[in-house]
Structure formats: C-alpha cells, structure tokens
Amino acid sequence: MRELKDLVATLHDPQRSYYLELFKHIPPATEQMMRALSPSQGQTLVYSHDAATSVYFLLDGQVKALNEHYSGTLYAFADFSAPSLFGEFEAFGPARTIGRR
C-alpha cells in the first residue's frame, strides 16, 4: 500500500486529502490486496462475468465501462476520469462470509 499512498501524494488538493483520508481507513486485508496498475490503451481490466473482487484507483487518463448488448454491439455505460475510484466497493468494508451478518 505504500506505493499507492506515494502515488496519491502526487495529486493536488482537494483530491489528495480526500484519497489519503479514505485509504487511511482501509481494512488491513484489503490494503494487502491493492496494487497500482498502469494499463495500456484498449486493455480490458474486467469482463462482465468476472467476479467483482477489486477496486481500481485511476490516477491518470480515462476508463470506459463497456457491456455487450444481446446483438453483440458494445456500449459504454460509465466513463471515469482521473482521479477516480471504481470497482467493488465492498472491499472497503469489513470482511463478511456468506450467511453471516
């Protein structure tokens, strides 16, 4: 997580303060799973039927969330511009097991 906090430190306020405060409260198990990525243009990060297990922190550039229409046509249903968080936000909450509350 040190690497991610170093990257956040390169942002300007108010984004830097917001993300440093957010990441300060991440559970230790989630912190160990977080990694900084530098995807290339056109790279697929997640497919629609993949299990949602990651939170992505976009520091630079833009990301489009695409889905495939039943006809086979791709369409964008969300756009994210840096800095932005997207993905499975349950990773930021307490660990849970199925059937427990």
Protein backbone atom coordinates (compact mmCIF):
# COMPACT_ATOMS: atom_id res chain seq x y z
CA MET A 1 0.00 0.00 0.00
CA ARG A 2 2.97 2.29 0.44
CA GLU A 3 3.27 2.60 -3.33
CA LEU A 4 -0.38 3.64 -3.69
CA LYS A 5 -0.10 6.26 -0.94
CA ASP A 6 3.00 7.65 -2.66
CA LEU A 7 1.04 7.93 -5.90
CA VAL A 8 -1.84 9.67 -4.11
CA ALA A 9 0.64 12.16 -2.68
CA THR A 10 1.32 13.35 -6.25
CA LEU A 11 -2.28 14.56 -6.61
CA HIS A 12 -3.36 18.11 -5.80
CA ASP A 13 -5.82 19.04 -3.07
CA PRO A 14 -8.72 18.52 -2.55
CA GLN A 15 -8.33 15.09 -4.25
CA ARG A 16 -5.08 14.28 -2.41
CA SER A 17 -6.61 14.95 1.03
CA TYR A 18 -9.78 13.02 0.17
CA TYR A 19 -7.97 9.88 -1.02
CA LEU A 20 -5.38 9.91 1.79
CA GLU A 21 -8.23 10.08 4.31
CA LEU A 22 -10.15 7.32 2.50
CA PHE A 23 -7.16 4.99 2.28
CA LYS A 24 -6.31 5.59 5.95
CA HIS A 25 -9.43 3.61 6.89
CA ILE A 26 -8.97 0.62 4.58
CA PRO A 27 -9.05 -2.71 6.43
CA PRO A 28 -5.61 -4.40 6.56
CA ALA A 29 -6.78 -7.37 4.45
CA THR A 30 -7.96 -5.01 1.70
CA GLU A 31 -4.78 -2.95 1.90
CA GLN A 32 -2.72 -6.07 1.18
CA MET A 33 -4.77 -6.77 -1.99
CA MET A 34 -4.42 -3.29 -3.50
CA ARG A 35 -1.91 -2.74 -6.29
CA ALA A 36 -1.13 0.16 -8.56
CA LEU A 37 -1.66 -0.64 -12.26
CA SER A 38 -0.60 1.12 -15.43
CA PRO A 39 -2.89 -0.37 -18.07
CA SER A 40 -2.26 0.33 -21.72
CA GLN A 41 -4.84 1.91 -24.02
CA GLY A 42 -7.50 -0.61 -25.02
CA GLN A 43 -6.59 -3.08 -22.26
CA THR A 44 -9.51 -4.91 -20.63
CA LEU A 45 -9.40 -4.83 -16.84
CA VAL A 46 -12.57 -6.78 -16.06
CA TYR A 47 -15.02 -8.80 -18.12
CA SER A 48 -18.76 -8.61 -17.43
CA HIS A 49 -18.99 -12.13 -15.99
CA ASP A 50 -15.86 -11.88 -13.80
CA ALA A 51 -16.28 -11.96 -10.04
CA ALA A 52 -16.17 -8.43 -8.66
CA THR A 53 -13.21 -8.53 -6.30
CA SER A 54 -11.17 -5.39 -7.00
CA VAL A 55 -11.29 -1.65 -6.50
CA TYR A 56 -9.41 0.36 -9.11
CA PHE A 57 -7.88 3.75 -8.40
CA LEU A 58 -7.41 5.71 -11.62
CA LEU A 59 -4.62 8.28 -11.26
CA ASP A 60 -4.24 9.29 -14.89
CA GLY A 61 -6.33 9.11 -18.04
CA GLN A 62 -9.83 7.79 -18.61
CA VAL A 63 -11.64 4.46 -18.39
CA LYS A 64 -14.87 3.36 -20.05
CA ALA A 65 -17.11 0.69 -18.61
CA LEU A 66 -18.44 -1.36 -21.51
CA ASN A 67 -21.08 -4.02 -21.80
CA GLU A 68 -22.25 -6.10 -24.72
CA HIS A 69 -25.80 -5.75 -25.99
CA TYR A 70 -27.55 -9.01 -26.87
CA SER A 71 -26.97 -8.09 -30.54
CA GLY A 72 -23.21 -8.16 -29.96
CA THR A 73 -22.76 -4.39 -30.03
CA LEU A 74 -20.57 -2.89 -27.29
CA TYR A 75 -21.86 0.16 -25.46
CA ALA A 76 -20.37 2.36 -22.73
CA PHE A 77 -22.47 2.63 -19.57
CA ALA A 78 -20.00 4.66 -17.48
CA ASP A 79 -16.97 6.89 -18.00
CA PHE A 80 -14.35 7.56 -15.33
CA SER A 81 -11.71 10.32 -15.45
CA ALA A 82 -8.71 10.57 -13.14
CA PRO A 83 -8.62 10.74 -10.23
CA SER A 84 -11.41 8.25 -9.71
CA LEU A 85 -12.31 5.05 -7.87
CA PHE A 86 -14.35 2.30 -9.48
CA GLY A 87 -14.99 -1.37 -8.89
CA GLU A 88 -16.19 -3.50 -5.98
CA PHE A 89 -16.54 -1.07 -3.07
CA GLU A 90 -17.42 -3.84 -0.61
CA ALA A 91 -13.66 -4.36 -0.42
CA PHE A 92 -13.56 -1.21 1.72
CA GLY A 93 -15.96 -2.67 4.29
CA PRO A 94 -15.50 -5.26 6.98
CA ALA A 95 -14.85 -8.83 5.86
CA ARG A 96 -18.03 -10.94 5.70
CA THR A 97 -18.83 -14.51 4.93
CA ILE A 98 -21.92 -15.77 3.16
CA GLY A 99 -24.81 -16.26 5.57
CA ARG A 100 -23.33 -14.05 8.31
CA ARG A 101 -24.46 -10.55 9.13
